[in-house]
Amino acid sequence: MSATMTIRVSEDTLAKLTKIAEGTKRSKSFLAGEAVSAYVERELAIIEGIQRGLADVAAGRVVPHEQAMAEARQIIAEARRKKAQG
């Protein structure tokens, strides 16, 4: 099921969308709908990740900064060694 929504975009964005529509043989409406869907999915994933992180902090599931940095440096060093070995 779908719903209709009206949006305003700059003339430049509309021109670019028109160019994409012509090049892909898709309607501007279809492409705009796909773009909005992709944006919504990405933004929701970011918000949900932040909420999970905040819940972890509230529950005390955290790693001190220095420990996290030490682990990151170790991973990088191991990757560099593997790359150097070929």
C-alpha atoms as a PDB file:
ATOM      1  CA  MET A   1       0.000   0.000   0.000  1.00  0.00           C
ATOM      2  CA  SER A   2       1.242   3.494  -0.685  1.00  0.00           C
ATOM      3  CA  ALA A   3       0.218   7.028   0.190  1.00  0.00           C
ATOM      4  CA  THR A   4       0.551  10.311  -1.643  1.00  0.00           C
ATOM      5  CA  MET A   5       2.699  13.112  -0.252  1.00  0.00           C
ATOM      6  CA  THR A   6       3.610  16.498  -1.697  1.00  0.00           C
ATOM      7  CA  ILE A   7       7.130  17.869  -1.184  1.00  0.00           C
ATOM      8  CA  ARG A   8       8.999  20.977  -2.222  1.00  0.00           C
ATOM      9  CA  VAL A   9      12.503  20.733  -3.650  1.00  0.00           C
ATOM     10  CA  SER A  10      14.845  23.286  -5.146  1.00  0.00           C
ATOM     11  CA  GLU A  11      14.811  23.788  -8.901  1.00  0.00           C
ATOM     12  CA  ASP A  12      18.336  22.360  -9.003  1.00  0.00           C
ATOM     13  CA  THR A  13      17.242  19.177  -7.224  1.00  0.00           C
ATOM     14  CA  LEU A  14      14.248  18.840  -9.531  1.00  0.00           C
ATOM     15  CA  ALA A  15      16.474  19.217 -12.581  1.00  0.00           C
ATOM     16  CA  LYS A  16      18.834  16.529 -11.287  1.00  0.00           C
ATOM     17  CA  LEU A  17      15.911  14.237 -10.466  1.00  0.00           C
ATOM     18  CA  THR A  18      14.540  14.765 -13.964  1.00  0.00           C
ATOM     19  CA  LYS A  19      17.914  13.847 -15.452  1.00  0.00           C
ATOM     20  CA  ILE A  20      18.056  10.654 -13.373  1.00  0.00           C
ATOM     21  CA  ALA A  21      14.471   9.792 -14.311  1.00  0.00           C
ATOM     22  CA  GLU A  22      15.229  10.189 -18.008  1.00  0.00           C
ATOM     23  CA  GLY A  23      18.433   8.180 -17.722  1.00  0.00           C
ATOM     24  CA  THR A  24      16.830   5.326 -15.816  1.00  0.00           C
ATOM     25  CA  LYS A  25      13.428   5.410 -17.531  1.00  0.00           C
ATOM     26  CA  ARG A  26      11.784   5.701 -14.111  1.00  0.00           C
ATOM     27  CA  SER A  27       9.295   8.323 -12.999  1.00  0.00           C
ATOM     28  CA  LYS A  28      10.391  11.194 -10.795  1.00  0.00           C
ATOM     29  CA  SER A  29       7.745  10.100  -8.323  1.00  0.00           C
ATOM     30  CA  PHE A  30       9.196   6.582  -8.127  1.00  0.00           C
ATOM     31  CA  LEU A  31      12.724   7.889  -7.658  1.00  0.00           C
ATOM     32  CA  ALA A  32      11.663  10.407  -5.017  1.00  0.00           C
ATOM     33  CA  GLY A  33       9.812   7.670  -3.146  1.00  0.00           C
ATOM     34  CA  GLU A  34      12.896   5.430  -3.256  1.00  0.00           C
ATOM     35  CA  ALA A  35      15.075   8.275  -2.004  1.00  0.00           C
ATOM     36  CA  VAL A  36      12.737   9.061   0.889  1.00  0.00           C
ATOM     37  CA  SER A  37      12.553   5.367   1.819  1.00  0.00           C
ATOM     38  CA  ALA A  38      16.354   5.052   1.839  1.00  0.00           C
ATOM     39  CA  TYR A  39      16.683   8.209   3.944  1.00  0.00           C
ATOM     40  CA  VAL A  40      14.070   7.061   6.446  1.00  0.00           C
ATOM     41  CA  GLU A  41      15.668   3.623   6.824  1.00  0.00           C
ATOM     42  CA  ARG A  42      19.128   5.130   7.330  1.00  0.00           C
ATOM     43  CA  GLU A  43      17.947   7.722   9.852  1.00  0.00           C
ATOM     44  CA  LEU A  44      15.912   5.168  11.820  1.00  0.00           C
ATOM     45  CA  ALA A  45      18.931   2.857  11.999  1.00  0.00           C
ATOM     46  CA  ILE A  46      21.022   5.732  13.366  1.00  0.00           C
ATOM     47  CA  ILE A  47      18.387   6.668  15.949  1.00  0.00           C
ATOM     48  CA  GLU A  48      17.956   3.036  17.031  1.00  0.00           C
ATOM     49  CA  GLY A  49      21.731   2.656  17.378  1.00  0.00           C
ATOM     50  CA  ILE A  50      21.894   5.751  19.558  1.00  0.00           C
ATOM     51  CA  GLN A  51      19.031   4.455  21.698  1.00  0.00           C
ATOM     52  CA  ARG A  52      20.796   1.085  22.125  1.00  0.00           C
ATOM     53  CA  GLY A  53      23.967   2.920  23.125  1.00  0.00           C
ATOM     54  CA  LEU A  54      22.125   5.032  25.665  1.00  0.00           C
ATOM     55  CA  ALA A  55      20.499   1.909  27.101  1.00  0.00           C
ATOM     56  CA  ASP A  56      23.953   0.308  27.389  1.00  0.00           C
ATOM     57  CA  VAL A  57      25.252   3.365  29.247  1.00  0.00           C
ATOM     58  CA  ALA A  58      22.251   3.362  31.576  1.00  0.00           C
ATOM     59  CA  ALA A  59      22.822  -0.354  32.295  1.00  0.00           C
ATOM     60  CA  GLY A  60      26.537   0.175  32.899  1.00  0.00           C
ATOM     61  CA  ARG A  61      27.599  -1.783  29.814  1.00  0.00           C
ATOM     62  CA  VAL A  62      30.491   0.506  28.940  1.00  0.00           C
ATOM     63  CA  VAL A  63      34.220   0.218  28.270  1.00  0.00           C
ATOM     64  CA  PRO A  64      36.603   2.920  29.485  1.00  0.00           C
ATOM     65  CA  HIS A  65      37.972   5.102  26.689  1.00  0.00           C
ATOM     66  CA  GLU A  66      41.584   4.074  27.225  1.00  0.00           C
ATOM     67  CA  GLN A  67      40.675   0.378  27.037  1.00  0.00           C
ATOM     68  CA  ALA A  68      38.734   0.894  23.811  1.00  0.00           C
ATOM     69  CA  MET A  69      41.623   2.865  22.299  1.00  0.00           C
ATOM     70  CA  ALA A  70      44.158   0.213  23.334  1.00  0.00           C
ATOM     71  CA  GLU A  71      42.046  -2.483  21.677  1.00  0.00           C
ATOM     72  CA  ALA A  72      41.681  -0.377  18.528  1.00  0.00           C
ATOM     73  CA  ARG A  73      45.445   0.248  18.377  1.00  0.00           C
ATOM     74  CA  GLN A  74      46.062  -3.490  18.761  1.00  0.00           C
ATOM     75  CA  ILE A  75      43.665  -4.353  15.930  1.00  0.00           C
ATOM     76  CA  ILE A  76      45.321  -1.760  13.671  1.00  0.00           C
ATOM     77  CA  ALA A  77      48.809  -3.012  14.511  1.00  0.00           C
ATOM     78  CA  GLU A  78      47.810  -6.616  13.764  1.00  0.00           C
ATOM     79  CA  ALA A  79      46.264  -5.587  10.450  1.00  0.00           C
ATOM     80  CA  ARG A  80      49.426  -3.716   9.493  1.00  0.00           C
ATOM     81  CA  ARG A  81      51.572  -6.745  10.380  1.00  0.00           C
ATOM     82  CA  LYS A  82      49.406  -9.033   8.265  1.00  0.00           C
ATOM     83  CA  LYS A  83      49.541  -6.595   5.358  1.00  0.00           C
ATOM     84  CA  ALA A  84      53.325  -6.316   5.615  1.00  0.00           C
ATOM     85  CA  GLN A  85      53.653 -10.113   5.598  1.00  0.00           C
ATOM     86  CA  GLY A  86      51.851 -10.238   2.322  1.00  0.00           C
END
